[in-house]
Amino acid sequence: MSAPTPPTSPAGPDLGPDLELDLVERPFTERGSRLLVTAGPDGLRVARAEYETPLAATTELTALVVRDPAGRPLPVVRATPVEVAFAGGVSLLFADHETLVLAGRDARASWRLPDGTERTLALDGCHVLAGPSGTWSAPAVRAAAEARWTAWFDRLPPVRADLAERARMAWWTLAVNLLPIAGREGLVPSKYGYVGVWNWDALFHAVALRHAFPALARDQILLLLDHQLPDGRLPDVVHDRGVLADTTDLPRADHERLAEHVGSANGARAGRTPVPVTKPPLAAWAVWKVHESDPDVPFLAAVYPRLVRAHEWWFAGSDPDGDGLPEYLHPYSSGLDDSPVWDYGPRAEPPDLNSYLVVEADRLADIAHALGRPADAARWRSRAAAHAGLLVARRWDGTRFTTLSAGVPVPVRTALDLMPLFTGRLPAEVAGALERTLRSPAYWGERPVPTVAFDDPAFAPDTMWRGPVWLNINHLLVEGLRRSGFPDTADELRDRTLAMVRDAGGLYEYWNPLTGARAPRATSGFGWSAALFLDLAALPTADRR
């Protein structure tokens, strides 16, 4: 049984605009803005968020310091989504998404440009620090910022009282990660290094946005479908310069890293013969979740044929041995770039992929039924059942679901071995064995689920996908446990996951499962961690009182 939960209470939206920003993990930025203000050793820094570009290469100014008339530095006394406030009444504010202003009187500001040029400014009103020139009134700018942020936080889904602080941080994270991308407002994973719309991330972001902004949630899905390839495949990334859809689109650094991690065979192949790069198939799953929250049959009708083509690509274009069980042709297509699964070769078939395809077929059946297409719905339901049966028949060895690389079983044990629970279609004895494995010491700790089993030789608690806890894996397992008839284990996994995020101090890319701390190389302000924390934490409608 799951542990008792604390009393429920909605997170107060009035506290949202007062969220504290540390200017390190949580920069001062704005919805739709490429500008980020962070703290540096010699003052504040302003840089731009760009695709595949480190902030050090996009710095607009550094060493921003404000001084009083006697030349003494005025410290930052508080930073919130609305403003960075210095002592002496000086404020840094966003006049709009591309204009940063410094407002105050009887003070002097200084900063340094990237070429080393020093600049100074005597403050006597509201001055543009970055962005197009213009005339602004500080009270009006501040009032507009307060109104924008209050309106955003007013839509925060209610959560338990003990989760309210982290929920406000997550909701702010989703707002500031929204940027104009390819003609829509896309939610990027992080302005620290992930400035594009990644396929898998967009679907997880949509799951959270559906609670308050279903049209915005649909836009995350449409960003991918807008760029569907002629063969039906969805791209891995949609970004300012186009898309990443095969290995010819990968940055050079990625080829070098993959050659080291997966082996020279992958590096050579990636350089000579284009290999498709996509992400695991969950688009129909996300579409149906949004539809359940905000029914929109015309939207379903518009996306259904594209979802069908995306589904069929996996069987036509990603099943090289023709056994009916597609595989990942590239590590990036799995979403688990550095998993030890890839230590055994550049192609692999862990059991998660075909589990997702079972669920996608079931969701396509739901969509077809909602569109009044009963024959389609019956066909998809039959395909889901048959595919689940094939997965069990060919990959269940009586103890676990095997992962194959070039047709050979991979010895490493990962959380992906448990993902067939997500289908909700396993024979009872198989589902029970997986649930017992999940609850065994191999995976069950104070902070489950490690992406590699605790007792596997490959387990590395701080290394990406080789041990840390990721919220998307836990979220899918929670749903799968419920679908497979284990609601108590689902509730306990959800509660332990929420507690880990609540107590860790931020919304990170991944967490050390032994300590619950941020893994050293995990980015902060990570979109799908924010999104899936909120979706797990959101109170059912009946409990929102």
Protein backbone atom coordinates (compact mmCIF):
# COMPACT_ATOMS: atom_id res chain seq x y z
CA MET A 1 0.00 0.00 0.00
CA SER A 2 1.16 3.54 -0.64
CA ALA A 3 2.04 5.82 2.24
CA PRO A 4 -0.58 8.30 3.50
CA THR A 5 -0.49 11.55 1.57
CA PRO A 6 -0.47 15.02 3.13
CA PRO A 7 -3.65 17.11 3.11
CA THR A 8 -4.57 18.50 -0.28
CA SER A 9 -4.49 22.19 -0.98
CA PRO A 10 -4.20 24.13 -4.21
CA ALA A 11 -0.97 25.98 -4.86
CA GLY A 12 -1.79 29.65 -4.34
CA PRO A 13 -1.44 31.42 -7.71
CA ASP A 14 -0.90 34.74 -5.94
CA LEU A 15 2.51 33.48 -4.80
CA GLY A 16 3.69 32.62 -8.30
CA PRO A 17 5.05 36.02 -9.42
CA ASP A 18 7.08 36.15 -6.18
CA LEU A 19 8.95 32.93 -6.98
CA GLU A 20 12.59 33.39 -6.05
CA LEU A 21 15.11 33.17 -8.90
CA ASP A 22 18.71 32.34 -8.00
CA LEU A 23 20.09 33.63 -11.35
CA VAL A 24 22.09 30.41 -11.70
CA GLU A 25 19.73 27.48 -12.14
CA ARG A 26 16.80 29.86 -12.58
CA PRO A 27 17.77 32.81 -14.80
CA PHE A 28 15.82 36.01 -15.21
CA THR A 29 14.06 35.60 -18.54
CA GLU A 30 10.63 35.88 -20.08
CA ARG A 31 8.17 33.85 -22.10
CA GLY A 32 9.19 34.21 -25.74
CA SER A 33 12.54 35.81 -24.94
CA ARG A 34 15.96 34.62 -26.06
CA LEU A 35 17.61 36.81 -23.41
CA LEU A 36 18.80 35.30 -20.13
CA VAL A 37 20.20 37.22 -17.17
CA THR A 38 22.48 35.16 -14.94
CA ALA A 39 24.89 35.87 -12.12
CA GLY A 40 28.62 35.86 -12.84
CA PRO A 41 31.74 36.33 -10.73
CA ASP A 42 31.96 40.04 -11.58
CA GLY A 43 28.29 40.99 -11.94
CA LEU A 44 25.32 39.99 -14.04
CA ARG A 45 25.58 38.56 -17.55
CA VAL A 46 23.09 38.85 -20.42
CA ALA A 47 23.26 36.19 -23.15
CA ARG A 48 21.01 34.83 -25.89
CA ALA A 49 19.62 31.31 -26.11
CA GLU A 50 20.35 29.79 -29.53
CA TYR A 51 20.22 26.26 -30.97
CA GLU A 52 23.39 24.23 -30.40
CA THR A 53 25.27 27.30 -29.17
CA PRO A 54 26.78 27.73 -25.68
CA LEU A 55 25.81 30.90 -23.84
CA ALA A 56 29.48 31.88 -23.74
CA ALA A 57 29.26 32.36 -27.52
CA THR A 58 26.09 34.46 -27.41
CA THR A 59 26.96 36.84 -24.58
CA GLU A 60 25.62 40.35 -25.10
CA LEU A 61 27.19 41.88 -22.01
CA THR A 62 28.91 40.87 -18.81
CA ALA A 63 30.01 42.40 -15.50
CA LEU A 64 26.81 44.41 -15.08
CA VAL A 65 27.14 46.27 -11.78
CA VAL A 66 25.03 49.06 -10.31
CA ARG A 67 26.61 51.59 -7.92
CA ASP A 68 25.33 54.34 -5.67
CA PRO A 69 26.54 57.96 -6.01
CA ALA A 70 29.54 57.17 -3.78
CA GLY A 71 30.61 54.34 -6.09
CA ARG A 72 29.61 51.53 -3.77
CA PRO A 73 28.12 48.45 -5.52
CA LEU A 74 24.40 47.98 -4.95
CA PRO A 75 23.68 44.27 -4.40
CA VAL A 76 20.81 42.35 -5.93
CA VAL A 77 18.33 42.06 -3.09
CA ARG A 78 15.77 39.92 -4.88
CA ALA A 79 15.07 38.32 -8.24
CA THR A 80 11.57 37.19 -9.25
CA PRO A 81 9.89 36.52 -12.60
CA VAL A 82 8.84 40.19 -12.61
CA GLU A 83 12.17 41.92 -11.89
CA VAL A 84 15.72 41.78 -10.63
CA ALA A 85 15.72 44.32 -7.77
CA PHE A 86 18.93 46.02 -6.61
CA ALA A 87 19.33 47.93 -3.38
CA GLY A 88 18.58 51.63 -3.84
CA GLY A 89 15.42 51.09 -5.88
CA VAL A 90 17.07 50.07 -9.16
CA SER A 91 15.35 47.33 -11.21
CA LEU A 92 16.05 45.20 -14.24
CA LEU A 93 12.81 44.50 -16.12
CA PHE A 94 11.52 43.02 -19.37
CA ALA A 95 9.60 45.69 -21.25
CA ASP A 96 8.68 42.97 -23.75
CA HIS A 97 10.13 39.62 -24.78
CA GLU A 98 13.10 41.19 -26.59
CA THR A 99 13.69 44.36 -24.57
CA LEU A 100 15.52 44.45 -21.25
CA VAL A 101 15.44 47.77 -19.39
CA LEU A 102 17.28 49.12 -16.34
CA ALA A 103 15.24 51.53 -14.27
CA GLY A 104 16.23 53.78 -11.35
CA ARG A 105 17.67 57.12 -10.30
CA ASP A 106 20.72 58.43 -8.49
CA ALA A 107 22.81 55.43 -9.48
CA ARG A 108 25.31 54.45 -12.16
CA ALA A 109 25.51 51.18 -14.07
CA SER A 110 28.54 49.73 -15.81
CA TRP A 111 29.07 46.66 -17.96
CA ARG A 112 31.42 45.11 -20.49
CA LEU A 113 30.69 44.16 -24.11
CA PRO A 114 32.03 40.91 -25.65
CA ASP A 115 34.86 42.81 -27.37
CA GLY A 116 36.03 44.14 -24.00
CA THR A 117 34.58 47.64 -24.38
CA GLU A 118 33.44 49.14 -21.07
CA ARG A 119 30.13 51.02 -20.93
CA THR A 120 28.61 53.18 -18.20
CA LEU A 121 25.20 54.74 -17.73
CA ALA A 122 23.88 57.34 -15.30
CA LEU A 123 20.44 56.17 -14.25
CA ASP A 124 17.74 58.80 -14.36
CA GLY A 125 14.69 56.85 -15.49
CA CYS A 126 14.10 53.75 -17.66
CA HIS A 127 16.91 52.83 -20.08
CA VAL A 128 17.10 50.04 -22.68
CA LEU A 129 19.95 47.71 -21.78
CA ALA A 130 19.39 45.07 -24.47
CA GLY A 131 16.98 45.03 -27.40
CA PRO A 132 15.54 47.65 -29.74
CA SER A 133 15.63 51.27 -28.66
CA GLY A 134 12.48 52.82 -27.29
CA THR A 135 10.95 54.93 -24.55
CA TRP A 136 9.56 53.13 -21.53
CA SER A 137 7.99 54.03 -18.21
CA ALA A 138 9.25 51.90 -15.32
CA PRO A 139 5.89 51.79 -13.45
CA ALA A 140 4.08 50.76 -16.63
CA VAL A 141 6.71 48.13 -17.48
CA ARG A 142 6.55 46.66 -13.97
CA ALA A 143 2.74 46.65 -13.94
CA ALA A 144 2.61 44.89 -17.30
CA ALA A 145 5.13 42.26 -16.13
CA GLU A 146 3.15 41.65 -12.95
CA ALA A 147 -0.03 41.26 -14.98
CA ARG A 148 1.60 38.80 -17.40
CA TRP A 149 2.97 36.62 -14.64
CA THR A 150 -0.16 36.76 -12.50
CA ALA A 151 -2.24 35.63 -15.49
CA TRP A 152 0.17 32.73 -16.09
CA PHE A 153 0.26 31.57 -12.47
CA ASP A 154 -3.52 31.88 -12.18
CA ARG A 155 -3.67 28.85 -14.50
CA LEU A 156 -1.35 26.67 -12.42
CA PRO A 157 -3.03 23.29 -11.86
CA PRO A 158 -3.82 22.78 -8.15
CA VAL A 159 -1.49 20.43 -6.25
CA ARG A 160 -1.01 19.22 -2.68
CA ALA A 161 0.21 21.91 -0.30
CA ASP A 162 3.59 20.22 0.23
CA LEU A 163 4.23 20.29 -3.53
CA ALA A 164 3.15 23.89 -4.10
CA GLU A 165 6.60 25.49 -4.12
CA ARG A 166 8.03 23.02 -6.63
CA ALA A 167 4.86 23.26 -8.72
CA ARG A 168 5.23 27.04 -9.01
CA MET A 169 8.83 26.52 -10.10
CA ALA A 170 7.72 23.95 -12.68
CA TRP A 171 4.97 26.20 -14.03
CA TRP A 172 7.42 29.09 -14.34
CA THR A 173 9.86 26.77 -16.14
CA LEU A 174 7.25 25.92 -18.76
CA ALA A 175 6.49 29.60 -19.33
CA VAL A 176 10.07 30.78 -19.78
CA ASN A 177 10.92 27.86 -22.07
CA LEU A 178 8.28 28.95 -24.59
CA LEU A 179 9.86 30.45 -27.72
CA PRO A 180 8.79 31.18 -31.29
CA ILE A 181 9.93 28.13 -33.27
CA ALA A 182 9.05 27.47 -36.92
CA GLY A 183 5.93 29.63 -36.90
CA ARG A 184 4.44 28.35 -33.63
CA GLU A 185 5.08 28.88 -29.94
CA GLY A 186 7.19 25.89 -29.03
CA LEU A 187 8.30 24.77 -25.59
CA VAL A 188 12.04 24.07 -25.66
CA PRO A 189 13.56 21.64 -23.12
CA SER A 190 15.86 24.30 -21.66
CA LYS A 191 17.31 27.65 -22.65
CA TYR A 192 20.59 26.21 -21.37
CA GLY A 193 21.67 24.24 -24.43
CA TYR A 194 18.39 22.76 -25.69
CA VAL A 195 16.95 25.55 -27.82
CA GLY A 196 14.70 23.67 -30.22
CA VAL A 197 11.60 21.49 -30.06
CA TRP A 198 12.65 17.89 -29.47
CA ASN A 199 10.15 15.26 -30.52
CA TRP A 200 9.73 13.33 -27.28
CA ASP A 201 9.96 16.44 -25.12
CA ALA A 202 7.20 18.18 -27.08
CA LEU A 203 4.81 15.32 -26.37
CA PHE A 204 5.57 15.35 -22.63
CA HIS A 205 5.22 19.13 -22.58
CA ALA A 206 1.80 18.81 -24.20
CA VAL A 207 0.71 16.44 -21.44
CA ALA A 208 1.25 19.17 -18.83
CA LEU A 209 0.00 22.12 -20.89
CA ARG A 210 -3.31 20.33 -21.51
CA HIS A 211 -4.33 21.08 -17.90
CA ALA A 212 -4.55 24.82 -18.59
CA PHE A 213 -3.66 25.64 -22.19
CA PRO A 214 -4.96 22.86 -24.48
CA ALA A 215 -4.50 24.93 -27.64
CA LEU A 216 -0.86 25.48 -26.71
CA ALA A 217 -0.56 21.75 -25.98
CA ARG A 218 -1.88 20.94 -29.45
CA ASP A 219 0.67 23.33 -30.95
CA GLN A 220 3.52 21.28 -29.47
CA ILE A 221 2.25 18.25 -31.36
CA LEU A 222 1.57 20.21 -34.53
CA LEU A 223 5.14 21.51 -34.55
CA LEU A 224 6.25 17.94 -35.15
CA LEU A 225 3.49 17.03 -37.58
CA ASP A 226 4.14 20.22 -39.58
CA HIS A 227 7.60 18.81 -40.35
CA GLN A 228 6.66 15.18 -40.96
CA LEU A 229 8.92 13.64 -43.57
CA PRO A 230 7.59 12.19 -46.86
CA ASP A 231 8.07 8.64 -45.55
CA GLY A 232 5.87 9.39 -42.52
CA ARG A 233 8.68 9.68 -39.98
CA LEU A 234 8.61 12.52 -37.45
CA PRO A 235 11.86 14.47 -37.03
CA ASP A 236 13.95 14.32 -33.90
CA VAL A 237 14.21 18.11 -33.54
CA VAL A 238 12.57 21.18 -35.07
CA HIS A 239 14.82 24.20 -34.64
CA ASP A 240 15.54 27.67 -35.99
CA ARG A 241 17.59 26.35 -38.90
CA GLY A 242 15.31 23.49 -39.95
CA VAL A 243 15.05 19.96 -38.58
CA LEU A 244 17.24 17.14 -37.34
CA ALA A 245 15.92 14.01 -39.04
CA ASP A 246 18.94 11.88 -39.92
CA THR A 247 22.62 11.58 -39.12
CA THR A 248 23.65 14.11 -41.75
CA ASP A 249 21.91 16.76 -39.63
CA LEU A 250 23.87 15.95 -36.45
CA PRO A 251 26.43 18.47 -35.17
CA ARG A 252 30.06 17.32 -35.51
CA ALA A 253 30.43 17.04 -31.72
CA ASP A 254 27.60 14.50 -31.64
CA HIS A 255 29.33 12.29 -34.21
CA GLU A 256 32.52 12.37 -32.15
CA ARG A 257 30.72 11.57 -28.91
CA LEU A 258 28.77 8.71 -30.49
CA ALA A 259 31.93 7.26 -32.01
CA GLU A 260 33.47 7.13 -28.54
CA HIS A 261 30.38 5.76 -26.78
CA VAL A 262 28.90 3.36 -29.33
CA GLY A 263 32.04 2.55 -31.30
CA SER A 264 33.69 3.48 -34.56
CA ALA A 265 31.19 1.47 -36.58
CA ASN A 266 28.42 3.90 -35.67
CA GLY A 267 30.59 6.93 -36.34
CA ALA A 268 31.57 5.65 -39.77
CA ARG A 269 28.05 4.69 -40.66
CA ALA A 270 26.69 8.04 -39.49
CA GLY A 271 29.21 9.88 -41.64
CA ARG A 272 28.67 7.92 -44.89
CA THR A 273 25.12 6.60 -45.04
CA PRO A 274 22.32 8.69 -43.56
CA VAL A 275 20.57 6.91 -40.73
CA PRO A 276 17.06 8.06 -39.68
CA VAL A 277 16.96 9.90 -36.36
CA THR A 278 13.61 10.32 -34.64
CA LYS A 279 12.22 9.64 -31.15
CA PRO A 280 10.05 6.91 -29.61
CA PRO A 281 6.45 6.84 -30.89
CA LEU A 282 4.10 8.51 -28.41
CA ALA A 283 2.34 11.12 -30.57
CA ALA A 284 -1.08 9.43 -30.61
CA TRP A 285 -0.79 8.88 -26.85
CA ALA A 286 -0.22 12.62 -26.34
CA VAL A 287 -2.96 13.62 -28.79
CA TRP A 288 -5.47 11.47 -26.94
CA LYS A 289 -4.49 12.87 -23.54
CA VAL A 290 -5.03 16.42 -24.81
CA HIS A 291 -8.36 15.40 -26.37
CA GLU A 292 -9.56 13.84 -23.11
CA SER A 293 -8.86 17.14 -21.33
CA ASP A 294 -10.33 19.34 -24.05
CA PRO A 295 -12.27 17.43 -26.73
CA ASP A 296 -11.58 18.73 -30.24
CA VAL A 297 -12.82 16.40 -32.96
CA PRO A 298 -11.67 18.64 -35.86
CA PHE A 299 -8.15 18.49 -34.42
CA LEU A 300 -8.36 14.70 -34.25
CA ALA A 301 -9.56 14.59 -37.85
CA ALA A 302 -6.67 16.79 -38.97
CA VAL A 303 -3.93 14.78 -37.24
CA TYR A 304 -5.29 11.23 -37.59
CA PRO A 305 -3.93 10.47 -41.08
CA ARG A 306 -0.54 11.93 -40.12
CA LEU A 307 -0.43 9.85 -36.96
CA VAL A 308 -1.23 6.75 -38.97
CA ARG A 309 1.64 7.48 -41.38
CA ALA A 310 4.01 8.07 -38.46
CA HIS A 311 2.98 4.75 -36.91
CA GLU A 312 3.38 2.79 -40.13
CA TRP A 313 6.89 4.18 -40.70
CA TRP A 314 8.23 2.14 -37.78
CA PHE A 315 7.19 -1.09 -39.50
CA ALA A 316 8.16 -0.05 -43.02
CA GLY A 317 11.34 1.87 -42.22
CA SER A 318 12.67 0.65 -38.88
CA ASP A 319 12.33 -3.14 -38.88
CA PRO A 320 15.44 -4.23 -40.80
CA ASP A 321 15.11 -7.93 -39.96
CA GLY A 322 11.41 -7.95 -40.88
CA ASP A 323 10.30 -9.86 -37.79
CA GLY A 324 7.41 -7.49 -37.06
CA LEU A 325 9.15 -5.96 -34.03
CA PRO A 326 10.73 -2.63 -35.05
CA GLU A 327 14.04 -1.52 -33.58
CA TYR A 328 15.92 1.70 -33.04
CA LEU A 329 18.33 2.36 -35.91
CA HIS A 330 20.25 5.02 -33.99
CA PRO A 331 20.86 5.68 -30.28
CA TYR A 332 19.22 9.11 -30.48
CA SER A 333 15.99 7.59 -31.77
CA SER A 334 15.58 5.78 -28.47
CA GLY A 335 15.72 9.01 -26.45
CA LEU A 336 18.21 7.20 -24.20
CA ASP A 337 21.38 8.40 -25.91
CA ASP A 338 23.95 7.08 -23.44
CA SER A 339 22.23 3.94 -22.20
CA PRO A 340 24.58 0.94 -21.81
CA VAL A 341 22.28 -0.78 -24.29
CA TRP A 342 24.32 1.06 -26.93
CA ASP A 343 27.60 -0.39 -25.66
CA TYR A 344 26.77 -3.44 -27.76
CA GLY A 345 26.23 -1.73 -31.11
CA PRO A 346 24.59 1.14 -32.98
CA ARG A 347 21.21 -0.60 -33.42
CA ALA A 348 19.08 -2.13 -30.70
CA GLU A 349 15.61 -3.35 -29.85
CA PRO A 350 14.83 -2.78 -26.18
CA PRO A 351 11.26 -3.73 -25.19
CA ASP A 352 10.09 -0.15 -24.69
CA LEU A 353 9.76 0.60 -28.43
CA ASN A 354 7.28 -2.16 -29.17
CA SER A 355 5.43 -1.39 -25.94
CA TYR A 356 4.93 2.17 -27.18
CA LEU A 357 3.72 0.86 -30.54
CA VAL A 358 1.10 -1.25 -28.78
CA VAL A 359 -0.16 1.79 -26.88
CA GLU A 360 -0.08 3.92 -30.04
CA ALA A 361 -2.29 1.39 -31.83
CA ASP A 362 -4.75 1.48 -28.94
CA ARG A 363 -4.83 5.28 -28.98
CA LEU A 364 -5.30 5.31 -32.76
CA ALA A 365 -8.29 3.06 -32.10
CA ASP A 366 -9.65 5.61 -29.62
CA ILE A 367 -9.15 8.43 -32.12
CA ALA A 368 -10.79 6.45 -34.93
CA HIS A 369 -13.77 5.69 -32.68
CA ALA A 370 -14.13 9.39 -31.79
CA LEU A 371 -14.09 10.19 -35.52
CA GLY A 372 -16.93 7.73 -36.20
CA ARG A 373 -14.71 5.19 -38.00
CA PRO A 374 -15.61 1.89 -36.27
CA ALA A 375 -13.86 -0.33 -38.83
CA ASP A 376 -10.61 1.59 -38.33
CA ALA A 377 -11.04 1.40 -34.56
CA ALA A 378 -11.54 -2.37 -34.66
CA ARG A 379 -8.52 -2.81 -36.91
CA TRP A 380 -6.27 -0.78 -34.61
CA ARG A 381 -7.53 -2.60 -31.53
CA SER A 382 -6.79 -5.92 -33.19
CA ARG A 383 -3.31 -4.72 -34.16
CA ALA A 384 -2.60 -3.64 -30.58
CA ALA A 385 -3.56 -7.06 -29.25
CA ALA A 386 -1.56 -8.89 -31.91
CA HIS A 387 1.53 -6.76 -31.41
CA ALA A 388 1.43 -7.24 -27.64
CA GLY A 389 1.15 -10.97 -28.22
CA LEU A 390 4.13 -10.93 -30.59
CA LEU A 391 6.22 -8.99 -28.06
CA VAL A 392 5.50 -11.56 -25.36
CA ALA A 393 5.98 -14.55 -27.63
CA ARG A 394 9.34 -13.44 -28.99
CA ARG A 395 10.94 -11.39 -26.23
CA TRP A 396 9.69 -12.76 -22.89
CA ASP A 397 12.16 -15.38 -21.67
CA GLY A 398 10.14 -16.40 -18.61
CA THR A 399 11.97 -13.95 -16.35
CA ARG A 400 12.41 -10.70 -18.26
CA PHE A 401 11.89 -9.04 -21.62
CA THR A 402 15.12 -9.26 -23.56
CA THR A 403 16.87 -6.43 -25.38
CA LEU A 404 18.48 -7.39 -28.67
CA SER A 405 21.41 -5.78 -30.50
CA ALA A 406 21.99 -7.19 -33.99
CA GLY A 407 19.82 -10.13 -32.95
CA VAL A 408 21.93 -10.97 -29.89
CA PRO A 409 20.58 -10.52 -26.32
CA VAL A 410 22.14 -7.65 -24.38
CA PRO A 411 23.06 -8.62 -20.80
CA VAL A 412 22.52 -5.20 -19.20
CA ARG A 413 19.29 -4.80 -17.20
CA THR A 414 17.53 -1.46 -17.61
CA ALA A 415 14.21 0.12 -16.67
CA LEU A 416 13.17 -0.43 -20.29
CA ASP A 417 12.79 -4.13 -19.41
CA LEU A 418 9.75 -3.07 -17.36
CA MET A 419 8.09 -0.90 -20.02
CA PRO A 420 5.78 -3.64 -21.40
CA LEU A 421 3.67 -2.83 -18.32
CA PHE A 422 2.78 0.38 -20.20
CA THR A 423 0.73 -1.64 -22.69
CA GLY A 424 -1.82 -2.88 -20.17
CA ARG A 425 -2.08 -5.97 -22.40
CA LEU A 426 0.28 -8.46 -20.79
CA PRO A 427 -0.86 -11.87 -19.55
CA ALA A 428 -1.49 -11.65 -15.80
CA GLU A 429 1.46 -13.84 -14.89
CA VAL A 430 3.86 -11.74 -17.02
CA ALA A 431 2.56 -8.44 -15.65
CA GLY A 432 2.84 -9.79 -12.10
CA ALA A 433 6.43 -10.87 -12.66
CA LEU A 434 7.34 -7.39 -13.96
CA GLU A 435 5.68 -5.68 -11.02
CA ARG A 436 7.58 -7.92 -8.63
CA THR A 437 10.83 -7.14 -10.46
CA LEU A 438 10.10 -3.42 -10.18
CA ARG A 439 9.54 -3.78 -6.44
CA SER A 440 12.65 -5.88 -5.95
CA PRO A 441 15.97 -4.44 -4.66
CA ALA A 442 17.17 -4.28 -8.27
CA TYR A 443 14.89 -1.28 -8.95
CA TRP A 444 13.00 -0.31 -5.81
CA GLY A 445 14.65 2.11 -3.45
CA GLU A 446 13.71 5.27 -1.64
CA ARG A 447 13.91 7.00 -5.02
CA PRO A 448 12.95 4.56 -7.77
CA VAL A 449 13.36 3.88 -10.70
CA PRO A 450 17.05 3.75 -11.69
CA THR A 451 17.46 3.57 -15.46
CA VAL A 452 19.95 0.73 -14.94
CA ALA A 453 19.30 -1.83 -12.17
CA PHE A 454 21.05 -1.02 -8.90
CA ASP A 455 22.85 -4.39 -8.91
CA ASP A 456 23.88 -4.34 -12.58
CA PRO A 457 27.64 -3.87 -13.22
CA ALA A 458 26.82 -1.01 -15.61
CA PHE A 459 24.96 1.00 -12.94
CA ALA A 460 26.42 4.52 -12.63
CA PRO A 461 24.19 6.77 -10.50
CA ASP A 462 25.35 10.11 -11.93
CA THR A 463 25.82 9.21 -15.60
CA MET A 464 23.12 10.06 -18.13
CA TRP A 465 20.78 7.08 -18.76
CA ARG A 466 23.18 4.70 -17.00
CA GLY A 467 21.54 4.83 -13.58
CA PRO A 468 19.87 8.17 -12.76
CA VAL A 469 16.14 8.60 -12.30
CA TRP A 470 14.33 10.28 -15.21
CA LEU A 471 10.79 11.56 -14.81
CA ASN A 472 9.57 10.37 -18.20
CA ILE A 473 10.43 6.75 -17.39
CA ASN A 474 8.72 6.99 -14.01
CA HIS A 475 5.68 8.75 -15.48
CA LEU A 476 5.18 6.07 -18.12
CA LEU A 477 5.65 3.30 -15.56
CA VAL A 478 3.10 4.91 -13.22
CA GLU A 479 0.58 4.93 -16.05
CA GLY A 480 1.51 1.40 -17.05
CA LEU A 481 1.13 0.08 -13.52
CA ARG A 482 -2.37 1.51 -13.34
CA ARG A 483 -3.24 0.11 -16.76
CA SER A 484 -1.87 -3.30 -15.74
CA GLY A 485 -3.84 -3.52 -12.50
CA PHE A 486 -1.34 -2.37 -9.86
CA PRO A 487 -2.81 0.92 -8.59
CA ASP A 488 -1.11 0.77 -5.18
CA THR A 489 2.35 0.38 -6.68
CA ALA A 490 1.52 3.14 -9.17
CA ASP A 491 0.54 5.47 -6.33
CA GLU A 492 3.65 4.66 -4.35
CA LEU A 493 5.94 5.21 -7.34
CA ARG A 494 4.20 8.51 -8.05
CA ASP A 495 4.52 9.65 -4.43
CA ARG A 496 8.21 8.69 -4.16
CA THR A 497 8.93 10.45 -7.45
CA LEU A 498 7.15 13.62 -6.34
CA ALA A 499 8.95 13.58 -2.99
CA MET A 500 12.33 13.24 -4.70
CA VAL A 501 11.68 16.26 -6.93
CA ARG A 502 10.17 18.25 -4.06
CA ASP A 503 13.21 17.73 -1.86
CA ALA A 504 15.97 18.09 -4.47
CA GLY A 505 15.70 21.85 -4.96
CA GLY A 506 15.01 22.11 -8.68
CA LEU A 507 13.62 20.69 -11.91
CA TYR A 508 16.61 18.84 -13.27
CA GLU A 509 17.19 16.67 -16.30
CA TYR A 510 17.87 13.63 -14.09
CA TRP A 511 18.60 12.69 -10.45
CA ASN A 512 21.00 10.43 -8.59
CA PRO A 513 18.78 7.58 -7.29
CA LEU A 514 20.97 6.97 -4.24
CA THR A 515 21.03 10.53 -2.92
CA GLY A 516 18.12 12.22 -4.69
CA ALA A 517 20.47 15.05 -5.66
CA ARG A 518 20.92 16.59 -9.08
CA ALA A 519 23.42 14.57 -11.09
CA PRO A 520 26.44 16.80 -11.79
CA ARG A 521 25.99 17.05 -15.56
CA ALA A 522 22.19 17.29 -15.57
CA THR A 523 20.86 20.56 -16.93
CA SER A 524 18.51 22.66 -14.79
CA GLY A 525 15.13 24.14 -15.67
CA PHE A 526 14.37 21.06 -17.74
CA GLY A 527 11.04 21.17 -19.56
CA TRP A 528 9.80 17.60 -19.40
CA SER A 529 10.81 17.27 -15.73
CA ALA A 530 8.69 20.34 -15.01
CA ALA A 531 5.86 19.08 -17.20
CA LEU A 532 5.70 15.53 -15.87
CA PHE A 533 6.13 16.61 -12.26
CA LEU A 534 3.06 18.82 -12.73
CA ASP A 535 1.09 16.07 -14.43
CA LEU A 536 1.88 13.60 -11.63
CA ALA A 537 1.16 16.24 -8.97
CA ALA A 538 -2.04 17.70 -10.43
CA LEU A 539 -5.04 16.99 -8.24
CA PRO A 540 -8.04 15.20 -9.75
CA THR A 541 -10.87 17.63 -10.44
CA ALA A 542 -12.92 16.22 -7.56
CA ASP A 543 -10.12 17.04 -5.08
CA ARG A 544 -9.68 20.69 -6.12
CA ARG A 545 -11.38 22.33 -3.21
